[in-house]
Amino acid sequence: MKKIIKLEDLDCASCASKIENAVKKIDGVDFVSVNFMTQNMVLKANDEQFDEILKKVVKKCKHIEPECTLIL
C-alpha cells in the first residue's frame, strides 16, 4: 500500500532527513520519502502490516521531531 502523509510543523530539512532514515529501518517499509518543501511523506509498506507500521512511523517521527504532527 502506498500513502501520502501530510507532515504539519516539520521544522527543517535535516529533521526530514532524520525521519526518512529512521522510517527506512522499520521492518515492512518498502519505500519512504520525506519532502521538507512540500511537508509530505510518501510511504509504501506491506499491506497486511500497514496499520502497525504506521503506528511505528508516528512514534519515530514524534521521537525525532516532537512538534511535528502526521495528518493521516
PDB file of N, CA and C in Angstrom:
ATOM      1  N   MET A   1       0.844  -1.171   0.000  1.00  0.00           N
ATOM      2  CA  MET A   1       0.000   0.000   0.000  1.00  0.00           C
ATOM      3  C   MET A   1       0.898   1.247   0.000  1.00  0.00           C
ATOM      4  N   LYS A   2       0.469   2.225  -0.728  1.00  0.00           N
ATOM      5  CA  LYS A   2       1.195   3.495  -0.795  1.00  0.00           C
ATOM      6  C   LYS A   2       0.291   4.592  -0.261  1.00  0.00           C
ATOM      7  N   LYS A   3       0.858   5.444   0.595  1.00  0.00           N
ATOM      8  CA  LYS A   3       0.073   6.524   1.182  1.00  0.00           C
ATOM      9  C   LYS A   3       0.921   7.788   1.253  1.00  0.00           C
ATOM     10  N   ILE A   4       0.288   8.923   0.996  1.00  0.00           N
ATOM     11  CA  ILE A   4       0.944  10.217   1.157  1.00  0.00           C
ATOM     12  C   ILE A   4       0.426  10.817   2.461  1.00  0.00           C
ATOM     13  N   ILE A   5       1.369  11.142   3.345  1.00  0.00           N
ATOM     14  CA  ILE A   5       1.038  11.638   4.678  1.00  0.00           C
ATOM     15  C   ILE A   5       1.520  13.075   4.803  1.00  0.00           C
ATOM     16  N   LYS A   6       0.660  13.953   5.214  1.00  0.00           N
ATOM     17  CA  LYS A   6       0.999  15.364   5.420  1.00  0.00           C
ATOM     18  C   LYS A   6       1.715  15.506   6.756  1.00  0.00           C
ATOM     19  N   LEU A   7       2.834  16.215   6.761  1.00  0.00           N
ATOM     20  CA  LEU A   7       3.599  16.483   7.980  1.00  0.00           C
ATOM     21  C   LEU A   7       3.414  17.952   8.335  1.00  0.00           C
ATOM     22  N   GLU A   8       2.765  18.202   9.444  1.00  0.00           N
ATOM     23  CA  GLU A   8       2.493  19.571   9.874  1.00  0.00           C
ATOM     24  C   GLU A   8       3.543  19.988  10.906  1.00  0.00           C
ATOM     25  N   ASP A   9       4.102  21.176  10.736  1.00  0.00           N
ATOM     26  CA  ASP A   9       5.116  21.741  11.648  1.00  0.00           C
ATOM     27  C   ASP A   9       6.449  21.008  11.607  1.00  0.00           C
ATOM     28  N   LEU A  10       6.824  20.514  10.439  1.00  0.00           N
ATOM     29  CA  LEU A  10       8.162  19.947  10.248  1.00  0.00           C
ATOM     30  C   LEU A  10       9.107  21.132  10.109  1.00  0.00           C
ATOM     31  N   ASP A  11      10.069  21.253  11.021  1.00  0.00           N
ATOM     32  CA  ASP A  11      10.862  22.472  11.146  1.00  0.00           C
ATOM     33  C   ASP A  11      12.003  22.653  10.152  1.00  0.00           C
ATOM     34  N   CYS A  12      12.669  21.559   9.766  1.00  0.00           N
ATOM     35  CA  CYS A  12      13.842  21.758   8.913  1.00  0.00           C
ATOM     36  C   CYS A  12      14.111  20.541   8.034  1.00  0.00           C
ATOM     37  N   ALA A  13      14.928  20.749   7.014  1.00  0.00           N
ATOM     38  CA  ALA A  13      15.280  19.676   6.083  1.00  0.00           C
ATOM     39  C   ALA A  13      16.098  18.588   6.776  1.00  0.00           C
ATOM     40  N   SER A  14      16.885  18.973   7.750  1.00  0.00           N
ATOM     41  CA  SER A  14      17.680  17.997   8.493  1.00  0.00           C
ATOM     42  C   SER A  14      16.768  17.025   9.250  1.00  0.00           C
ATOM     43  N   CYS A  15      15.743  17.540   9.866  1.00  0.00           N
ATOM     44  CA  CYS A  15      14.785  16.689  10.579  1.00  0.00           C
ATOM     45  C   CYS A  15      14.050  15.773   9.595  1.00  0.00           C
ATOM     46  N   ALA A  16      13.715  16.295   8.434  1.00  0.00           N
ATOM     47  CA  ALA A  16      13.064  15.486   7.400  1.00  0.00           C
ATOM     48  C   ALA A  16      13.956  14.319   7.009  1.00  0.00           C
ATOM     49  N   SER A  17      15.234  14.584   6.850  1.00  0.00           N
ATOM     50  CA  SER A  17      16.192  13.536   6.501  1.00  0.00           C
ATOM     51  C   SER A  17      16.318  12.504   7.621  1.00  0.00           C
ATOM     52  N   LYS A  18      16.357  12.968   8.857  1.00  0.00           N
ATOM     53  CA  LYS A  18      16.441  12.052  10.002  1.00  0.00           C
ATOM     54  C   LYS A  18      15.214  11.160  10.085  1.00  0.00           C
ATOM     55  N   ILE A  19      14.039  11.742   9.859  1.00  0.00           N
ATOM     56  CA  ILE A  19      12.797  10.967   9.882  1.00  0.00           C
ATOM     57  C   ILE A  19      12.818   9.923   8.767  1.00  0.00           C
ATOM     58  N   GLU A  20      13.198  10.339   7.570  1.00  0.00           N
ATOM     59  CA  GLU A  20      13.248   9.421   6.433  1.00  0.00           C
ATOM     60  C   GLU A  20      14.179   8.244   6.729  1.00  0.00           C
ATOM     61  N   ASN A  21      15.367   8.525   7.242  1.00  0.00           N
ATOM     62  CA  ASN A  21      16.332   7.463   7.534  1.00  0.00           C
ATOM     63  C   ASN A  21      15.832   6.527   8.631  1.00  0.00           C
ATOM     64  N   ALA A  22      15.154   7.058   9.629  1.00  0.00           N
ATOM     65  CA  ALA A  22      14.628   6.226  10.711  1.00  0.00           C
ATOM     66  C   ALA A  22      13.491   5.329  10.223  1.00  0.00           C
ATOM     67  N   VAL A  23      12.608   5.887   9.404  1.00  0.00           N
ATOM     68  CA  VAL A  23      11.468   5.116   8.901  1.00  0.00           C
ATOM     69  C   VAL A  23      11.929   4.015   7.954  1.00  0.00           C
ATOM     70  N   LYS A  24      12.990   4.262   7.186  1.00  0.00           N
ATOM     71  CA  LYS A  24      13.531   3.234   6.282  1.00  0.00           C
ATOM     72  C   LYS A  24      13.923   1.970   7.032  1.00  0.00           C
ATOM     73  N   LYS A  25      14.291   2.099   8.295  1.00  0.00           N
ATOM     74  CA  LYS A  25      14.767   0.964   9.089  1.00  0.00           C
ATOM     75  C   LYS A  25      13.636   0.123   9.691  1.00  0.00           C
ATOM     76  N   ILE A  26      12.406   0.576   9.575  1.00  0.00           N
ATOM     77  CA  ILE A  26      11.270  -0.169  10.121  1.00  0.00           C
ATOM     78  C   ILE A  26      10.978  -1.365   9.208  1.00  0.00           C
ATOM     79  N   ASP A  27      10.873  -2.551   9.817  1.00  0.00           N
ATOM     80  CA  ASP A  27      10.548  -3.752   9.048  1.00  0.00           C
ATOM     81  C   ASP A  27       9.205  -3.603   8.354  1.00  0.00           C
ATOM     82  N   GLY A  28       9.154  -3.969   7.083  1.00  0.00           N
ATOM     83  CA  GLY A  28       7.924  -3.901   6.311  1.00  0.00           C
ATOM     84  C   GLY A  28       7.814  -2.656   5.452  1.00  0.00           C
ATOM     85  N   VAL A  29       8.681  -1.665   5.677  1.00  0.00           N
ATOM     86  CA  VAL A  29       8.673  -0.447   4.864  1.00  0.00           C
ATOM     87  C   VAL A  29       9.433  -0.725   3.566  1.00  0.00           C
ATOM     88  N   ASP A  30       8.745  -0.567   2.442  1.00  0.00           N
ATOM     89  CA  ASP A  30       9.364  -0.797   1.136  1.00  0.00           C
ATOM     90  C   ASP A  30      10.003   0.472   0.580  1.00  0.00           C
ATOM     91  N   PHE A  31       9.386   1.621   0.861  1.00  0.00           N
ATOM     92  CA  PHE A  31       9.879   2.900   0.327  1.00  0.00           C
ATOM     93  C   PHE A  31       9.366   4.020   1.219  1.00  0.00           C
ATOM     94  N   VAL A  32      10.221   5.007   1.452  1.00  0.00           N
ATOM     95  CA  VAL A  32       9.784   6.212   2.147  1.00  0.00           C
ATOM     96  C   VAL A  32      10.568   7.395   1.601  1.00  0.00           C
ATOM     97  N   SER A  33       9.872   8.510   1.441  1.00  0.00           N
ATOM     98  CA  SER A  33      10.492   9.756   1.008  1.00  0.00           C
ATOM     99  C   SER A  33       9.818  10.895   1.764  1.00  0.00           C
ATOM    100  N   VAL A  34      10.647  11.705   2.434  1.00  0.00           N
ATOM    101  CA  VAL A  34      10.120  12.853   3.171  1.00  0.00           C
ATOM    102  C   VAL A  34      10.609  14.117   2.464  1.00  0.00           C
ATOM    103  N   ASN A  35       9.670  14.954   2.066  1.00  0.00           N
ATOM    104  CA  ASN A  35       9.993  16.188   1.352  1.00  0.00           C
ATOM    105  C   ASN A  35       9.691  17.373   2.268  1.00  0.00           C
ATOM    106  N   PHE A  36      10.739  18.063   2.691  1.00  0.00           N
ATOM    107  CA  PHE A  36      10.571  19.196   3.593  1.00  0.00           C
ATOM    108  C   PHE A  36       9.794  20.334   2.933  1.00  0.00           C
ATOM    109  N   MET A  37      10.047  20.590   1.677  1.00  0.00           N
ATOM    110  CA  MET A  37       9.396  21.719   0.993  1.00  0.00           C
ATOM    111  C   MET A  37       7.880  21.538   0.879  1.00  0.00           C
ATOM    112  N   THR A  38       7.445  20.321   0.578  1.00  0.00           N
ATOM    113  CA  THR A  38       6.006  20.069   0.442  1.00  0.00           C
ATOM    114  C   THR A  38       5.374  19.605   1.748  1.00  0.00           C
ATOM    115  N   GLN A  39       6.227  19.302   2.740  1.00  0.00           N
ATOM    116  CA  GLN A  39       5.762  18.808   4.039  1.00  0.00           C
ATOM    117  C   GLN A  39       4.971  17.501   3.887  1.00  0.00           C
ATOM    118  N   ASN A  40       5.438  16.633   2.985  1.00  0.00           N
ATOM    119  CA  ASN A  40       4.782  15.360   2.723  1.00  0.00           C
ATOM    120  C   ASN A  40       5.737  14.200   2.918  1.00  0.00           C
ATOM    121  N   MET A  41       5.175  13.070   3.321  1.00  0.00           N
ATOM    122  CA  MET A  41       5.903  11.812   3.377  1.00  0.00           C
ATOM    123  C   MET A  41       5.172  10.828   2.471  1.00  0.00           C
ATOM    124  N   VAL A  42       5.913  10.193   1.573  1.00  0.00           N
ATOM    125  CA  VAL A  42       5.363   9.122   0.760  1.00  0.00           C
ATOM    126  C   VAL A  42       5.829   7.833   1.420  1.00  0.00           C
ATOM    127  N   LEU A  43       4.880   6.989   1.793  1.00  0.00           N
ATOM    128  CA  LEU A  43       5.185   5.746   2.486  1.00  0.00           C
ATOM    129  C   LEU A  43       4.587   4.581   1.717  1.00  0.00           C
ATOM    130  N   LYS A  44       5.421   3.609   1.403  1.00  0.00           N
ATOM    131  CA  LYS A  44       4.962   2.384   0.762  1.00  0.00           C
ATOM    132  C   LYS A  44       5.393   1.236   1.661  1.00  0.00           C
ATOM    133  N   ALA A  45       4.406   0.430   2.076  1.00  0.00           N
ATOM    134  CA  ALA A  45       4.697  -0.643   3.024  1.00  0.00           C
ATOM    135  C   ALA A  45       3.776  -1.834   2.765  1.00  0.00           C
ATOM    136  N   ASN A  46       4.120  -2.927   3.420  1.00  0.00           N
ATOM    137  CA  ASN A  46       3.377  -4.169   3.340  1.00  0.00           C
ATOM    138  C   ASN A  46       1.909  -3.946   3.696  1.00  0.00           C
ATOM    139  N   ASP A  47       0.991  -4.389   2.823  1.00  0.00           N
ATOM    140  CA  ASP A  47      -0.445  -4.166   3.024  1.00  0.00           C
ATOM    141  C   ASP A  47      -0.973  -4.784   4.317  1.00  0.00           C
ATOM    142  N   GLU A  48      -0.570  -6.021   4.609  1.00  0.00           N
ATOM    143  CA  GLU A  48      -1.091  -6.733   5.776  1.00  0.00           C
ATOM    144  C   GLU A  48      -0.661  -6.069   7.083  1.00  0.00           C
ATOM    145  N   GLN A  49       0.484  -5.434   7.100  1.00  0.00           N
ATOM    146  CA  GLN A  49       1.027  -4.836   8.316  1.00  0.00           C
ATOM    147  C   GLN A  49       0.955  -3.310   8.318  1.00  0.00           C
ATOM    148  N   PHE A  50       0.263  -2.718   7.373  1.00  0.00           N
ATOM    149  CA  PHE A  50       0.332  -1.270   7.174  1.00  0.00           C
ATOM    150  C   PHE A  50      -0.055  -0.478   8.422  1.00  0.00           C
ATOM    151  N   ASP A  51      -1.133  -0.860   9.085  1.00  0.00           N
ATOM    152  CA  ASP A  51      -1.575  -0.108  10.269  1.00  0.00           C
ATOM    153  C   ASP A  51      -0.535  -0.165  11.387  1.00  0.00           C
ATOM    154  N   GLU A  52       0.055  -1.340  11.588  1.00  0.00           N
ATOM    155  CA  GLU A  52       1.081  -1.500  12.623  1.00  0.00           C
ATOM    156  C   GLU A  52       2.335  -0.703  12.261  1.00  0.00           C
ATOM    157  N   ILE A  53       2.717  -0.733  10.992  1.00  0.00           N
ATOM    158  CA  ILE A  53       3.877   0.034  10.523  1.00  0.00           C
ATOM    159  C   ILE A  53       3.619   1.525  10.700  1.00  0.00           C
ATOM    160  N   LEU A  54       2.414   1.974  10.395  1.00  0.00           N
ATOM    161  CA  LEU A  54       2.060   3.381  10.533  1.00  0.00           C
ATOM    162  C   LEU A  54       2.191   3.857  11.979  1.00  0.00           C
ATOM    163  N   LYS A  55       1.820   3.016  12.930  1.00  0.00           N
ATOM    164  CA  LYS A  55       1.982   3.357  14.354  1.00  0.00           C
ATOM    165  C   LYS A  55       3.457   3.560  14.691  1.00  0.00           C
ATOM    166  N   LYS A  56       4.305   2.697  14.141  1.00  0.00           N
ATOM    167  CA  LYS A  56       5.749   2.809  14.379  1.00  0.00           C
ATOM    168  C   LYS A  56       6.309   4.073  13.731  1.00  0.00           C
ATOM    169  N   VAL A  57       5.801   4.424  12.545  1.00  0.00           N
ATOM    170  CA  VAL A  57       6.231   5.638  11.846  1.00  0.00           C
ATOM    171  C   VAL A  57       5.891   6.870  12.692  1.00  0.00           C
ATOM    172  N   VAL A  58       4.680   6.918  13.217  1.00  0.00           N
ATOM    173  CA  VAL A  58       4.259   8.049  14.049  1.00  0.00           C
ATOM    174  C   VAL A  58       5.158   8.159  15.275  1.00  0.00           C
ATOM    175  N   LYS A  59       5.445   7.036  15.910  1.00  0.00           N
ATOM    176  CA  LYS A  59       6.297   7.029  17.102  1.00  0.00           C
ATOM    177  C   LYS A  59       7.705   7.545  16.779  1.00  0.00           C
ATOM    178  N   LYS A  60       8.281   7.086  15.668  1.00  0.00           N
ATOM    179  CA  LYS A  60       9.619   7.537  15.262  1.00  0.00           C
ATOM    180  C   LYS A  60       9.618   9.039  14.978  1.00  0.00           C
ATOM    181  N   CYS A  61       8.605   9.506  14.275  1.00  0.00           N
ATOM    182  CA  CYS A  61       8.524  10.935  13.944  1.00  0.00           C
ATOM    183  C   CYS A  61       8.432  11.781  15.203  1.00  0.00           C
ATOM    184  N   LYS A  62       7.610  11.371  16.144  1.00  0.00           N
ATOM    185  CA  LYS A  62       7.443  12.124  17.390  1.00  0.00           C
ATOM    186  C   LYS A  62       8.729  12.140  18.206  1.00  0.00           C
ATOM    187  N   HIS A  63       9.490  11.054  18.130  1.00  0.00           N
ATOM    188  CA  HIS A  63      10.762  10.987  18.851  1.00  0.00           C
ATOM    189  C   HIS A  63      11.778  11.966  18.257  1.00  0.00           C
ATOM    190  N   ILE A  64      11.826  12.043  16.934  1.00  0.00           N
ATOM    191  CA  ILE A  64      12.796  12.906  16.250  1.00  0.00           C
ATOM    192  C   ILE A  64      12.357  14.362  16.255  1.00  0.00           C
ATOM    193  N   GLU A  65      11.083  14.593  15.974  1.00  0.00           N
ATOM    194  CA  GLU A  65      10.543  15.955  15.860  1.00  0.00           C
ATOM    195  C   GLU A  65       9.227  16.030  16.644  1.00  0.00           C
ATOM    196  N   PRO A  66       9.308  16.273  17.958  1.00  0.00           N
ATOM    197  CA  PRO A  66       8.107  16.241  18.811  1.00  0.00           C
ATOM    198  C   PRO A  66       6.983  17.192  18.393  1.00  0.00           C
ATOM    199  N   GLU A  67       7.322  18.303  17.751  1.00  0.00           N
ATOM    200  CA  GLU A  67       6.307  19.286  17.355  1.00  0.00           C
ATOM    201  C   GLU A  67       5.598  18.905  16.046  1.00  0.00           C
ATOM    202  N   CYS A  68       6.149  17.930  15.330  1.00  0.00           N
ATOM    203  CA  CYS A  68       5.593  17.539  14.028  1.00  0.00           C
ATOM    204  C   CYS A  68       4.361  16.649  14.231  1.00  0.00           C
ATOM    205  N   THR A  69       3.316  16.935  13.465  1.00  0.00           N
ATOM    206  CA  THR A  69       2.079  16.150  13.505  1.00  0.00           C
ATOM    207  C   THR A  69       1.863  15.502  12.157  1.00  0.00           C
ATOM    208  N   LEU A  70       1.559  14.214  12.168  1.00  0.00           N
ATOM    209  CA  LEU A  70       1.260  13.494  10.932  1.00  0.00           C
ATOM    210  C   LEU A  70      -0.245  13.528  10.708  1.00  0.00           C
ATOM    211  N   ILE A  71      -0.666  14.037   9.569  1.00  0.00           N
ATOM    212  CA  ILE A  71      -2.080  14.097   9.208  1.00  0.00           C
ATOM    213  C   ILE A  71      -2.371  12.852   8.354  1.00  0.00           C
ATOM    214  N   LEU A  72      -3.044  11.886   8.950  1.00  0.00           N
ATOM    215  CA  LEU A  72      -3.279  10.600   8.289  1.00  0.00           C
ATOM    216  C   LEU A  72      -4.545  10.599   7.479  1.00  0.00           C
TER     217      LEU A  72
END
